[in-house]
Amino acid sequence: MHSPMLVEEVEELEDGKISVLDSAVSILFETESGALFNGERDKFDQYLHAVDEIQQSIKLRNISDYKIRGVNLIQMASERFLLEFQNILEWSINTVEDDTLCCTDCSSCIATSCSLDLLEGDHIGRGALSSEQIYRLRCMSERLNSAGRLQECVDMYKNLRKSMVDASFLRFGIGNWLNCDIRSLAWDEFAKKIKIWIRAAQMCFVIIIPREKQTYEQIFDGFEDVSSDSFLVIVEDFAIQLCNFAEIISYSPVLLQKLFDVLDLYKFLLLYLPDFKATFHSASTKCITSQAERTLQRLADLVRQIISNFEDTVLHEQSNTTISRGTLHSSTRYTMERVIGMVHYNELLTEIITSEPTTSFLGSEEMQYLKVGGRKPLARHLLWIIISLKYNLKSKFKEYKDTHLGHLFLMNNIHYIIEEIKGSYEMLEMIGEDYVTKLNEDVMDEAKSYLGSWDKVLYCFRDEGLQYRVFYSGFSRNALKDRFKILNATFEEIFQTQSTWFVPDLQLLEQLHRSIIEKVLPAYKSFLVQFQSERYIEKYIKYSPEELQNVVCDLFG
């Protein structure tokens, strides 16, 4: 059994506790305004310890006047905590709003490069709370919880952090876009806005949402009356605005120029949809994830419609004028650029394009390549586009009055298609070596048909019409003179006509020069040798074999 404490000892102990309480009270009154916000850690911890001492005294002391005094002190400290809590959070808003004002000066409704740079360097950290600030907010929230004023603290936090997030969103100007018709913008402005949207969405899903969730948990985790999903109020408006913009884009006109920008948007949504759904999983935010899922599906439908329209346009494209030099048609370049771009999105488009192309009957020879097994739907669509392009080019051939120029035109354009296919391993694999072989045969056929323009030169090398009479071996000088005159005129006609024709591919150009020389030069040399003993023959010869070869090699350049 313990011996009873003497009255003197009790009074001494009580006096000691009162002394500690008085010291704590002094600290509360002496701490200057702002010390909790930006003062030294030691002073902040000292203030916390003083509050803890007073709260402990309230729990242990039965003397009513000390209880009343302690409660009043705790209320005073709580007001101080709430004020300092507000100061820290408002500081984070100001760091973001400064950037917002800066970018308001450099862009109006149409966002500029200022918006594109917002995620670079220091801008990523704008609005973030430091570890020291989080420590102080956590410490103050614990004391406010003990004082029964945690809900005020939570409400203030959500409101002020939401203001910070909203200010971050304003920096991108996306909110203003929703007030104008995004779908009617010119392609370059449309593309710019998609790019800015993706950067803003990255900021939202990669930086802001994870950061806000982590910060919220660091400050309020463990408090019974605080839900872990309460932080969603802070970021949901940002997410809704982003979803609204993406949904507007999904209703855009079916224009090929927008295909790759729409695919970029689709790719981003597809990539982050699982995280998006995991974040906004509560019943109150389910509408956000539902909107994102609908938008993703609509974007996929838009991509399918754009590609279908593209196929139809390639097949039926009509131009009012022929390509005078027989070089590449603009539709050939444009079509192959888009096809190659689609190959770059191979993985994504393979998921979107799951049905076969709607084809027109262009002849069994072409259609058989579409029926080759093992090709995925996307590969069949790309092959169908190229088949349609070749068919359309052949329809343009009919517009050429000079059929040889028409054959040169087809040779150039089909060769360009081959080179574009071979320039991408993925594309070659999708189109197939078999069809590329067929295209190479087409190029050879068109080149051979073009070489027919030199047949009239070969016709001048015949013996018929040069002899005095049948069974006589001599040659008529006049006939020979006329023949050379016709030959030289034929050369001149070809050179003059074809001097404006053009073959853009150097390798193809060399092959064509070689083919002309191999066809004409040996026969020309034999023709000259045949008459080399004739008098005055040198007067009739305008081109030596070397000169003829040089002139040929100057063609199509």
Protein backbone atom coordinates (compact mmCIF):
# COMPACT_ATOMS: atom_id res chain seq x y z
CA MET A 1 0.00 0.00 0.00
CA HIS A 2 1.40 3.39 -1.08
CA SER A 3 1.90 6.00 1.58
CA PRO A 4 -0.38 9.05 1.22
CA MET A 5 1.17 12.12 -0.48
CA LEU A 6 1.80 15.04 1.79
CA VAL A 7 -0.23 18.22 1.23
CA GLU A 8 2.99 20.16 0.64
CA GLU A 9 4.04 17.73 -2.13
CA VAL A 10 0.68 18.00 -3.89
CA GLU A 11 0.80 21.78 -3.80
CA GLU A 12 4.37 21.73 -5.16
CA LEU A 13 3.34 19.40 -8.01
CA GLU A 14 0.33 21.55 -8.80
CA ASP A 15 2.49 24.64 -8.84
CA GLY A 16 4.86 22.91 -11.31
CA LYS A 17 2.03 22.04 -13.68
CA ILE A 18 0.67 25.54 -13.47
CA SER A 19 4.13 26.84 -14.27
CA VAL A 20 4.28 24.65 -17.41
CA LEU A 21 0.80 25.80 -18.43
CA ASP A 22 1.74 29.42 -17.94
CA SER A 23 4.80 28.88 -20.11
CA ALA A 24 2.63 27.35 -22.85
CA VAL A 25 0.21 30.26 -22.63
CA SER A 26 3.07 32.70 -22.97
CA ILE A 27 4.26 30.97 -26.14
CA LEU A 28 0.79 31.20 -27.68
CA PHE A 29 0.61 34.93 -27.02
CA GLU A 30 4.19 35.73 -27.90
CA THR A 31 4.38 33.93 -31.27
CA GLU A 32 4.24 36.59 -33.96
CA SER A 33 1.76 36.54 -36.80
CA GLY A 34 3.19 34.65 -39.77
CA ALA A 35 5.63 32.59 -37.72
CA LEU A 36 3.58 29.46 -38.26
CA PHE A 37 3.50 30.03 -42.02
CA ASN A 38 7.07 30.93 -42.84
CA GLY A 39 8.94 30.84 -39.54
CA GLU A 40 11.60 28.40 -38.43
CA ARG A 41 10.65 24.79 -37.73
CA ASP A 42 11.77 25.07 -34.07
CA LYS A 43 9.37 27.93 -33.38
CA PHE A 44 6.55 26.12 -35.13
CA ASP A 45 7.17 22.93 -33.14
CA GLN A 46 7.38 24.98 -29.95
CA TYR A 47 3.96 26.45 -30.66
CA LEU A 48 2.55 22.96 -31.32
CA HIS A 49 4.01 21.70 -28.06
CA ALA A 50 2.41 24.59 -26.22
CA VAL A 51 -0.99 23.76 -27.70
CA ASP A 52 -0.51 20.11 -26.75
CA GLU A 53 0.31 21.09 -23.17
CA ILE A 54 -2.85 23.16 -22.91
CA GLN A 55 -5.00 20.39 -24.42
CA GLN A 56 -3.45 17.89 -22.02
CA SER A 57 -4.14 20.21 -19.11
CA ILE A 58 -7.79 20.44 -20.09
CA LYS A 59 -8.07 16.66 -20.00
CA LEU A 60 -6.30 16.16 -16.65
CA ARG A 61 -7.17 19.22 -14.61
CA ASN A 62 -10.41 19.34 -12.67
CA ILE A 63 -10.11 22.98 -11.65
CA SER A 64 -12.89 24.69 -13.60
CA ASP A 65 -11.26 28.08 -14.04
CA TYR A 66 -8.20 26.48 -15.67
CA LYS A 67 -10.49 24.43 -17.93
CA ILE A 68 -12.33 27.52 -19.06
CA ARG A 69 -9.08 29.36 -19.65
CA GLY A 70 -7.61 26.36 -21.51
CA VAL A 71 -10.63 25.99 -23.77
CA ASN A 72 -10.45 29.64 -24.68
CA LEU A 73 -6.76 29.28 -25.47
CA ILE A 74 -7.42 26.25 -27.68
CA GLN A 75 -10.10 28.20 -29.54
CA MET A 76 -7.62 31.01 -30.05
CA ALA A 77 -4.97 28.56 -31.30
CA SER A 78 -7.51 26.91 -33.60
CA GLU A 79 -8.35 30.25 -35.18
CA ARG A 80 -4.64 30.83 -35.59
CA PHE A 81 -4.19 27.41 -37.18
CA LEU A 82 -7.04 28.01 -39.60
CA LEU A 83 -5.57 31.36 -40.58
CA GLU A 84 -2.12 29.89 -41.15
CA PHE A 85 -3.70 26.95 -42.97
CA GLN A 86 -5.35 29.46 -45.29
CA ASN A 87 -2.12 31.41 -45.80
CA ILE A 88 -0.21 28.35 -46.96
CA LEU A 89 -2.94 27.26 -49.36
CA GLU A 90 -3.44 30.74 -50.80
CA TRP A 91 0.27 30.95 -51.48
CA SER A 92 -0.05 27.90 -53.76
CA ILE A 93 -2.89 29.59 -55.65
CA ASN A 94 -0.87 32.76 -56.20
CA THR A 95 2.04 30.88 -57.77
CA VAL A 96 -0.33 29.50 -60.41
CA GLU A 97 -2.32 32.68 -60.99
CA ASP A 98 0.89 34.57 -61.80
CA ASP A 99 1.44 32.20 -64.73
CA THR A 100 -2.18 32.50 -65.75
CA LEU A 101 -1.91 36.29 -66.04
CA CYS A 102 1.31 35.93 -68.03
CA CYS A 103 -0.30 33.63 -70.55
CA THR A 104 -3.43 35.72 -70.77
CA ASP A 105 -1.26 38.46 -72.23
CA CYS A 106 0.13 36.25 -74.99
CA SER A 107 -3.02 34.49 -76.15
CA SER A 108 -6.71 35.09 -76.43
CA CYS A 109 -9.23 32.51 -77.60
CA ILE A 110 -6.64 30.92 -79.87
CA ALA A 111 -3.95 29.39 -77.67
CA THR A 112 -0.36 30.08 -78.60
CA SER A 113 3.02 28.57 -77.88
CA CYS A 114 2.81 30.11 -74.42
CA SER A 115 0.27 27.44 -73.52
CA LEU A 116 2.43 24.72 -75.03
CA ASP A 117 5.34 25.69 -72.78
CA LEU A 118 3.42 25.57 -69.52
CA LEU A 119 4.51 22.05 -68.66
CA GLU A 120 8.19 22.78 -69.23
CA GLY A 121 10.69 23.31 -66.42
CA ASP A 122 9.46 25.06 -63.31
CA HIS A 123 5.85 25.22 -64.48
CA ILE A 124 5.31 21.55 -63.58
CA GLY A 125 5.85 22.36 -59.91
CA ARG A 126 3.57 25.38 -59.82
CA GLY A 127 0.94 25.00 -57.10
CA ALA A 128 2.65 22.04 -55.44
CA LEU A 129 3.06 22.12 -51.68
CA SER A 130 6.53 21.55 -50.28
CA SER A 131 7.26 18.78 -47.79
CA GLU A 132 7.67 21.43 -45.08
CA GLN A 133 4.29 22.95 -45.89
CA ILE A 134 2.65 19.52 -45.88
CA TYR A 135 4.25 18.78 -42.50
CA ARG A 136 2.83 21.99 -41.03
CA LEU A 137 -0.62 21.43 -42.53
CA ARG A 138 -0.68 17.90 -41.11
CA CYS A 139 0.38 19.08 -37.66
CA MET A 140 -2.23 21.83 -37.63
CA SER A 141 -4.98 19.48 -38.85
CA GLU A 142 -4.20 17.08 -35.98
CA ARG A 143 -4.65 19.87 -33.44
CA LEU A 144 -7.80 21.11 -35.17
CA ASN A 145 -9.16 17.57 -35.07
CA SER A 146 -8.54 17.41 -31.33
CA ALA A 147 -10.32 20.74 -31.00
CA GLY A 148 -13.33 19.45 -32.95
CA ARG A 149 -12.78 21.81 -35.87
CA LEU A 150 -11.36 19.43 -38.47
CA GLN A 151 -14.31 19.78 -40.85
CA GLU A 152 -13.66 23.52 -41.17
CA CYS A 153 -10.08 22.67 -42.02
CA VAL A 154 -11.08 20.06 -44.63
CA ASP A 155 -13.64 22.35 -46.27
CA MET A 156 -11.11 25.16 -46.49
CA TYR A 157 -8.51 22.82 -47.94
CA LYS A 158 -10.84 21.49 -50.63
CA ASN A 159 -12.04 24.95 -51.64
CA LEU A 160 -8.59 26.51 -51.86
CA ARG A 161 -6.88 23.57 -53.56
CA LYS A 162 -9.75 23.45 -56.04
CA SER A 163 -9.08 27.11 -56.81
CA MET A 164 -5.43 26.23 -57.45
CA VAL A 165 -6.38 23.39 -59.81
CA ASP A 166 -8.90 25.60 -61.61
CA ALA A 167 -6.20 28.25 -62.05
CA SER A 168 -3.94 25.58 -63.55
CA PHE A 169 -6.69 24.71 -65.99
CA LEU A 170 -7.17 28.34 -66.96
CA ARG A 171 -3.54 28.57 -68.03
CA PHE A 172 -4.36 26.38 -71.01
CA GLY A 173 -7.37 28.41 -72.11
CA ILE A 174 -9.43 25.27 -72.70
CA GLY A 175 -12.42 26.66 -70.84
CA ASN A 176 -12.72 29.43 -73.42
CA TRP A 177 -12.65 26.92 -76.27
CA LEU A 178 -15.93 25.44 -75.16
CA ASN A 179 -17.61 28.76 -75.92
CA CYS A 180 -16.66 28.69 -79.62
CA ASP A 181 -17.15 26.08 -82.34
CA ILE A 182 -13.97 24.01 -82.17
CA ARG A 183 -15.17 21.76 -84.97
CA SER A 184 -15.22 24.58 -87.52
CA LEU A 185 -11.63 25.68 -86.92
CA ALA A 186 -9.03 25.50 -89.66
CA TRP A 187 -6.96 22.34 -89.52
CA ASP A 188 -3.78 23.95 -88.15
CA GLU A 189 -5.66 25.61 -85.28
CA PHE A 190 -7.57 22.39 -84.65
CA ALA A 191 -4.29 20.46 -84.47
CA LYS A 192 -2.79 23.03 -82.11
CA LYS A 193 -5.72 22.75 -79.73
CA ILE A 194 -5.54 18.96 -79.70
CA LYS A 195 -1.87 19.21 -78.81
CA ILE A 196 -2.59 21.66 -76.00
CA TRP A 197 -5.45 19.47 -74.76
CA ILE A 198 -3.13 16.46 -74.55
CA ARG A 199 -0.58 18.49 -72.61
CA ALA A 200 -3.29 19.73 -70.25
CA ALA A 201 -4.66 16.20 -69.84
CA GLN A 202 -1.17 14.90 -69.10
CA MET A 203 -0.84 17.56 -66.46
CA CYS A 204 -4.19 16.49 -65.02
CA PHE A 205 -3.74 12.71 -65.06
CA VAL A 206 0.02 12.44 -64.60
CA ILE A 207 0.71 15.32 -62.25
CA ILE A 208 -2.29 17.02 -60.66
CA ILE A 209 -4.57 14.10 -59.74
CA PRO A 210 -1.82 11.84 -58.29
CA ARG A 211 -0.24 14.81 -56.52
CA GLU A 212 -3.51 16.04 -55.03
CA LYS A 213 -4.45 12.55 -53.91
CA GLN A 214 -1.08 12.00 -52.26
CA THR A 215 -1.04 15.43 -50.61
CA TYR A 216 -4.61 15.03 -49.35
CA GLU A 217 -3.74 11.67 -47.80
CA GLN A 218 -0.55 13.03 -46.21
CA ILE A 219 -2.54 15.76 -44.49
CA PHE A 220 -5.82 14.02 -43.60
CA ASP A 221 -5.14 10.27 -43.61
CA GLY A 222 -6.26 8.50 -40.44
CA PHE A 223 -9.03 10.89 -39.46
CA GLU A 224 -12.27 8.96 -39.00
CA ASP A 225 -14.58 11.66 -40.31
CA VAL A 226 -12.62 12.31 -43.53
CA SER A 227 -13.31 10.17 -46.61
CA SER A 228 -10.36 9.22 -48.81
CA ASP A 229 -12.42 10.20 -51.88
CA SER A 230 -13.09 13.73 -50.65
CA PHE A 231 -10.13 15.01 -52.65
CA LEU A 232 -12.09 14.30 -55.88
CA VAL A 233 -13.98 17.55 -55.35
CA ILE A 234 -10.66 19.30 -55.94
CA VAL A 235 -10.01 17.80 -59.39
CA GLU A 236 -13.37 16.76 -60.82
CA ASP A 237 -14.15 20.07 -62.55
CA PHE A 238 -10.78 19.94 -64.31
CA ALA A 239 -11.51 16.39 -65.46
CA ILE A 240 -15.05 17.28 -66.57
CA GLN A 241 -13.82 20.20 -68.67
CA LEU A 242 -11.26 17.97 -70.36
CA CYS A 243 -13.90 15.34 -71.07
CA ASN A 244 -16.26 17.98 -72.46
CA PHE A 245 -13.65 19.16 -74.94
CA ALA A 246 -12.81 15.61 -76.02
CA GLU A 247 -16.51 14.91 -76.50
CA ILE A 248 -16.90 17.98 -78.72
CA ILE A 249 -14.00 16.75 -80.86
CA SER A 250 -15.70 13.36 -81.23
CA TYR A 251 -18.53 15.13 -83.07
CA SER A 252 -16.17 16.82 -85.53
CA PRO A 253 -16.79 16.75 -89.30
CA VAL A 254 -15.37 13.72 -91.10
CA LEU A 255 -12.21 15.33 -92.52
CA LEU A 256 -9.05 13.43 -93.41
CA GLN A 257 -6.81 16.30 -92.27
CA LYS A 258 -7.96 15.70 -88.70
CA LEU A 259 -7.34 11.93 -88.68
CA PHE A 260 -3.99 11.87 -86.92
CA ASP A 261 -4.96 14.53 -84.39
CA VAL A 262 -8.09 12.55 -83.53
CA LEU A 263 -5.94 9.43 -83.22
CA ASP A 264 -3.59 11.23 -80.82
CA LEU A 265 -6.59 12.21 -78.72
CA TYR A 266 -7.96 8.66 -78.84
CA LYS A 267 -4.58 7.19 -77.93
CA PHE A 268 -4.30 9.40 -74.87
CA LEU A 269 -7.80 8.60 -73.62
CA LEU A 270 -7.27 4.90 -74.20
CA LEU A 271 -3.97 4.97 -72.30
CA TYR A 272 -5.30 6.80 -69.25
CA LEU A 273 -8.86 5.51 -69.10
CA PRO A 274 -8.00 2.72 -66.58
CA ASP A 275 -6.39 5.27 -64.23
CA PHE A 276 -9.28 7.64 -64.85
CA LYS A 277 -11.82 4.96 -63.90
CA ALA A 278 -9.81 3.95 -60.86
CA THR A 279 -9.77 7.56 -59.65
CA PHE A 280 -13.40 8.49 -60.36
CA HIS A 281 -14.94 5.23 -59.16
CA SER A 282 -17.46 6.58 -56.67
CA ALA A 283 -21.16 6.80 -57.43
CA SER A 284 -21.04 10.60 -57.46
CA THR A 285 -18.33 10.69 -60.14
CA LYS A 286 -19.38 7.71 -62.25
CA CYS A 287 -20.89 10.07 -64.83
CA ILE A 288 -17.38 11.37 -65.58
CA THR A 289 -16.01 7.93 -66.42
CA SER A 290 -19.13 7.11 -68.43
CA GLN A 291 -18.62 10.26 -70.49
CA ALA A 292 -14.97 9.35 -71.08
CA GLU A 293 -15.93 5.85 -72.26
CA ARG A 294 -18.60 7.21 -74.62
CA THR A 295 -16.17 9.76 -76.01
CA LEU A 296 -13.57 7.08 -76.64
CA GLN A 297 -16.08 5.02 -78.60
CA ARG A 298 -17.22 8.03 -80.60
CA LEU A 299 -13.63 8.91 -81.47
CA ALA A 300 -13.14 5.36 -82.75
CA ASP A 301 -16.28 5.70 -84.87
CA LEU A 302 -15.02 9.03 -86.21
CA VAL A 303 -11.71 7.42 -87.22
CA ARG A 304 -13.56 4.65 -89.08
CA GLN A 305 -15.72 7.21 -90.90
CA ILE A 306 -12.69 9.29 -91.88
CA ILE A 307 -10.87 6.27 -93.31
CA SER A 308 -13.97 5.10 -95.17
CA ASN A 309 -14.41 8.55 -96.72
CA PHE A 310 -10.72 8.63 -97.58
CA GLU A 311 -11.00 5.35 -99.47
CA ASP A 312 -13.96 6.64 -101.44
CA THR A 313 -12.19 9.92 -102.22
CA VAL A 314 -9.05 8.19 -103.49
CA LEU A 315 -11.07 5.95 -105.79
CA HIS A 316 -13.16 8.74 -107.29
CA GLU A 317 -10.78 11.74 -107.12
CA GLN A 318 -11.12 13.93 -110.18
CA SER A 319 -8.89 16.74 -111.34
CA ASN A 320 -9.59 19.14 -114.17
CA THR A 321 -6.08 19.25 -115.59
CA THR A 322 -3.47 16.68 -116.55
CA ILE A 323 0.09 16.79 -115.23
CA SER A 324 1.81 18.37 -118.23
CA ARG A 325 5.28 17.00 -117.50
CA GLY A 326 4.10 13.51 -116.63
CA THR A 327 5.49 13.79 -113.11
CA LEU A 328 3.86 12.92 -109.78
CA HIS A 329 0.23 13.79 -109.27
CA SER A 330 -0.60 15.65 -106.06
CA SER A 331 -3.14 12.97 -105.15
CA THR A 332 -0.39 10.33 -105.29
CA ARG A 333 1.79 12.21 -102.82
CA TYR A 334 -1.13 13.10 -100.59
CA THR A 335 -2.54 9.59 -100.53
CA MET A 336 0.78 7.91 -99.78
CA GLU A 337 1.58 10.44 -97.06
CA ARG A 338 -1.70 9.57 -95.36
CA VAL A 339 -1.20 5.84 -95.83
CA ILE A 340 2.28 6.03 -94.31
CA GLY A 341 0.87 8.09 -91.45
CA MET A 342 -1.72 5.38 -90.85
CA VAL A 343 1.07 2.78 -90.72
CA HIS A 344 2.70 4.81 -87.95
CA TYR A 345 -0.52 4.30 -85.97
CA ASN A 346 -0.56 0.60 -86.88
CA GLU A 347 -1.06 -0.75 -83.36
CA LEU A 348 -3.82 1.71 -82.54
CA LEU A 349 -5.66 1.37 -85.86
CA THR A 350 -5.49 -2.42 -85.67
CA GLU A 351 -7.71 -2.18 -82.57
CA ILE A 352 -10.09 0.31 -84.20
CA ILE A 353 -10.36 -1.19 -87.70
CA THR A 354 -11.91 -4.62 -87.30
CA SER A 355 -14.03 -4.94 -90.45
CA GLU A 356 -13.10 -5.47 -94.10
CA PRO A 357 -13.09 -2.53 -96.54
CA THR A 358 -16.13 -1.91 -98.70
CA THR A 359 -14.68 -2.50 -102.15
CA SER A 360 -15.85 -1.88 -105.69
CA PHE A 361 -15.18 -4.48 -108.34
CA LEU A 362 -12.10 -3.30 -110.22
CA GLY A 363 -11.19 -6.54 -111.94
CA SER A 364 -10.18 -9.94 -110.66
CA GLU A 365 -6.45 -9.28 -111.16
CA GLU A 366 -6.42 -6.53 -108.54
CA MET A 367 -9.03 -7.95 -106.21
CA GLN A 368 -7.22 -11.24 -105.78
CA TYR A 369 -4.56 -9.53 -103.67
CA LEU A 370 -7.21 -8.43 -101.18
CA LYS A 371 -8.28 -12.03 -100.75
CA VAL A 372 -4.84 -13.30 -99.75
CA GLY A 373 -5.11 -14.93 -96.32
CA GLY A 374 -3.30 -13.77 -93.21
CA ARG A 375 -3.87 -10.05 -93.67
CA LYS A 376 -5.53 -8.12 -90.86
CA PRO A 377 -8.45 -5.80 -91.68
CA LEU A 378 -6.22 -2.72 -91.42
CA ALA A 379 -3.76 -4.17 -93.95
CA ARG A 380 -6.63 -4.87 -96.34
CA HIS A 381 -7.85 -1.29 -95.98
CA LEU A 382 -4.39 0.08 -96.78
CA LEU A 383 -4.03 -2.25 -99.75
CA TRP A 384 -7.48 -1.23 -100.98
CA ILE A 385 -6.47 2.45 -100.79
CA ILE A 386 -3.39 1.78 -102.94
CA ILE A 387 -5.37 -0.30 -105.43
CA SER A 388 -7.91 2.53 -105.62
CA LEU A 389 -5.12 5.05 -106.15
CA LYS A 390 -3.66 3.05 -109.02
CA TYR A 391 -7.09 2.66 -110.57
CA ASN A 392 -7.67 6.40 -110.30
CA LEU A 393 -4.27 7.15 -111.87
CA LYS A 394 -5.12 4.92 -114.81
CA SER A 395 -8.35 6.85 -115.30
CA LYS A 396 -6.25 10.02 -115.51
CA PHE A 397 -4.12 8.37 -118.21
CA LYS A 398 -7.10 8.60 -120.54
CA GLU A 399 -6.94 12.40 -120.35
CA TYR A 400 -3.51 12.50 -122.05
CA LYS A 401 -3.58 13.25 -125.77
CA ASP A 402 0.01 12.02 -126.02
CA THR A 403 -0.28 8.44 -124.81
CA HIS A 404 3.48 8.12 -124.37
CA LEU A 405 3.42 10.99 -121.88
CA GLY A 406 0.53 9.21 -120.19
CA HIS A 407 2.64 6.07 -119.85
CA LEU A 408 5.49 8.13 -118.40
CA PHE A 409 2.99 9.61 -115.93
CA LEU A 410 1.84 6.16 -114.81
CA MET A 411 5.42 4.90 -114.62
CA ASN A 412 6.44 7.81 -112.36
CA ASN A 413 3.45 7.56 -110.05
CA ILE A 414 3.41 3.78 -109.65
CA HIS A 415 7.16 3.79 -109.05
CA TYR A 416 6.64 6.42 -106.35
CA ILE A 417 4.04 4.18 -104.69
CA ILE A 418 6.54 1.30 -104.69
CA GLU A 419 9.29 3.40 -103.15
CA GLU A 420 6.99 4.66 -100.42
CA ILE A 421 5.91 1.11 -99.59
CA LYS A 422 9.49 -0.17 -99.54
CA GLY A 423 10.57 2.76 -97.38
CA SER A 424 8.65 1.32 -94.42
CA TYR A 425 9.20 -2.25 -93.27
CA GLU A 426 5.83 -2.26 -91.52
CA MET A 427 4.08 -1.03 -94.63
CA LEU A 428 5.84 -3.54 -96.88
CA GLU A 429 4.81 -6.31 -94.52
CA MET A 430 1.19 -5.14 -94.53
CA ILE A 431 0.90 -4.59 -98.30
CA GLY A 432 2.83 -7.74 -99.14
CA GLU A 433 5.74 -8.54 -101.45
CA ASP A 434 3.32 -10.13 -103.90
CA TYR A 435 1.54 -6.88 -104.64
CA VAL A 436 4.80 -4.90 -104.76
CA THR A 437 6.01 -7.37 -107.40
CA LYS A 438 2.81 -6.67 -109.34
CA LEU A 439 3.45 -2.93 -109.10
CA ASN A 440 7.02 -3.39 -110.35
CA GLU A 441 5.66 -5.26 -113.36
CA ASP A 442 3.29 -2.36 -113.97
CA VAL A 443 6.22 0.08 -113.94
CA MET A 444 8.10 -2.07 -116.46
CA ASP A 445 5.02 -2.28 -118.68
CA GLU A 446 4.52 1.48 -118.59
CA ALA A 447 8.20 2.10 -119.34
CA LYS A 448 8.02 -0.31 -122.26
CA SER A 449 4.92 1.47 -123.56
CA TYR A 450 6.70 4.81 -123.25
CA LEU A 451 9.68 3.46 -125.23
CA GLY A 452 7.24 3.00 -128.09
CA SER A 453 7.66 6.74 -128.71
CA TRP A 454 11.07 5.86 -130.20
CA ASP A 455 9.69 3.32 -132.66
CA LYS A 456 9.36 6.00 -135.33
CA VAL A 457 13.12 6.55 -135.03
CA LEU A 458 13.75 2.85 -135.59
CA TYR A 459 11.41 2.97 -138.55
CA CYS A 460 13.80 5.43 -140.20
CA PHE A 461 16.57 2.81 -140.13
CA ARG A 462 14.86 0.42 -142.54
CA ASP A 463 16.40 -0.22 -146.00
CA GLU A 464 13.10 -0.01 -147.80
CA GLY A 465 12.88 3.03 -150.08
CA LEU A 466 16.63 3.72 -150.18
CA GLN A 467 17.64 1.52 -153.18
CA TYR A 468 17.53 2.66 -156.82
CA ARG A 469 15.40 -0.30 -157.70
CA VAL A 470 14.70 -3.80 -156.58
CA PHE A 471 17.61 -6.28 -156.92
CA TYR A 472 20.09 -3.40 -157.21
CA SER A 473 22.52 -2.96 -154.37
CA GLY A 474 23.18 0.76 -154.72
CA PHE A 475 21.43 3.53 -152.77
CA SER A 476 19.70 6.57 -154.12
CA ARG A 477 21.46 9.72 -152.91
CA ASN A 478 18.23 11.67 -152.88
CA ALA A 479 16.42 8.90 -151.03
CA LEU A 480 19.25 8.70 -148.51
CA LYS A 481 19.27 12.47 -148.10
CA ASP A 482 15.50 12.47 -147.52
CA ARG A 483 15.79 9.59 -145.08
CA PHE A 484 18.35 11.42 -142.97
CA LYS A 485 16.24 14.53 -143.16
CA ILE A 486 13.27 12.59 -141.80
CA LEU A 487 15.45 10.92 -139.17
CA ASN A 488 16.88 14.22 -137.95
CA ALA A 489 13.43 15.78 -137.90
CA THR A 490 12.15 12.81 -135.89
CA PHE A 491 14.99 13.23 -133.42
CA GLU A 492 14.23 16.93 -133.11
CA GLU A 493 10.54 16.30 -132.62
CA ILE A 494 11.18 13.79 -129.84
CA PHE A 495 13.79 15.96 -128.16
CA GLN A 496 11.62 19.06 -128.32
CA THR A 497 8.49 17.26 -127.14
CA GLN A 498 10.10 15.27 -124.36
CA SER A 499 12.49 17.95 -123.13
CA THR A 500 9.74 19.20 -120.80
CA TRP A 501 8.85 15.75 -119.49
CA PHE A 502 10.15 14.87 -116.07
CA VAL A 503 11.22 11.79 -114.11
CA PRO A 504 11.79 12.82 -110.46
CA ASP A 505 13.41 9.60 -109.24
CA LEU A 506 17.11 9.53 -110.16
CA GLN A 507 17.38 5.75 -110.22
CA LEU A 508 14.34 5.44 -112.45
CA LEU A 509 15.72 8.26 -114.62
CA GLU A 510 18.99 6.40 -115.16
CA GLN A 511 17.16 3.18 -115.97
CA LEU A 512 15.00 4.97 -118.52
CA HIS A 513 18.00 6.65 -120.16
CA ARG A 514 19.71 3.27 -120.35
CA SER A 515 16.64 1.65 -121.89
CA ILE A 516 16.37 4.36 -124.58
CA ILE A 517 20.07 4.11 -125.41
CA GLU A 518 19.95 0.31 -125.57
CA LYS A 519 16.97 0.48 -127.89
CA VAL A 520 18.11 3.26 -130.24
CA LEU A 521 21.90 3.60 -130.20
CA PRO A 522 22.97 0.16 -131.55
CA ALA A 523 20.49 0.46 -134.44
CA TYR A 524 21.63 4.03 -135.12
CA LYS A 525 25.28 2.99 -135.21
CA SER A 526 24.51 0.16 -137.62
CA PHE A 527 22.56 2.55 -139.80
CA LEU A 528 25.50 4.96 -139.96
CA VAL A 529 28.02 2.20 -140.65
CA GLN A 530 25.84 1.00 -143.50
CA PHE A 531 26.25 4.33 -145.31
CA GLN A 532 29.68 5.41 -144.17
CA SER A 533 31.16 4.86 -147.66
CA GLU A 534 28.58 7.08 -149.33
CA ARG A 535 29.79 10.45 -150.57
CA TYR A 536 28.77 13.51 -148.60
CA ILE A 537 27.24 11.28 -145.94
CA GLU A 538 28.68 13.52 -143.19
CA LYS A 539 26.51 16.37 -144.46
CA TYR A 540 23.38 14.40 -143.67
CA ILE A 541 24.34 13.28 -140.15
CA LYS A 542 23.22 15.80 -137.50
CA TYR A 543 23.98 13.70 -134.42
CA SER A 544 26.93 11.45 -133.86
CA PRO A 545 26.26 8.39 -131.65
CA GLU A 546 27.96 10.19 -128.74
CA GLU A 547 25.93 13.33 -129.29
CA LEU A 548 22.73 11.33 -129.48
CA GLN A 549 23.56 9.61 -126.20
CA ASN A 550 24.29 12.96 -124.53
CA VAL A 551 21.01 14.44 -125.71
CA VAL A 552 19.09 11.40 -124.45
CA CYS A 553 20.79 11.67 -121.06
CA ASP A 554 19.64 15.29 -120.81
CA LEU A 555 15.99 14.29 -121.12
CA PHE A 556 13.55 14.22 -118.16
CA GLY A 557 15.80 16.23 -115.86
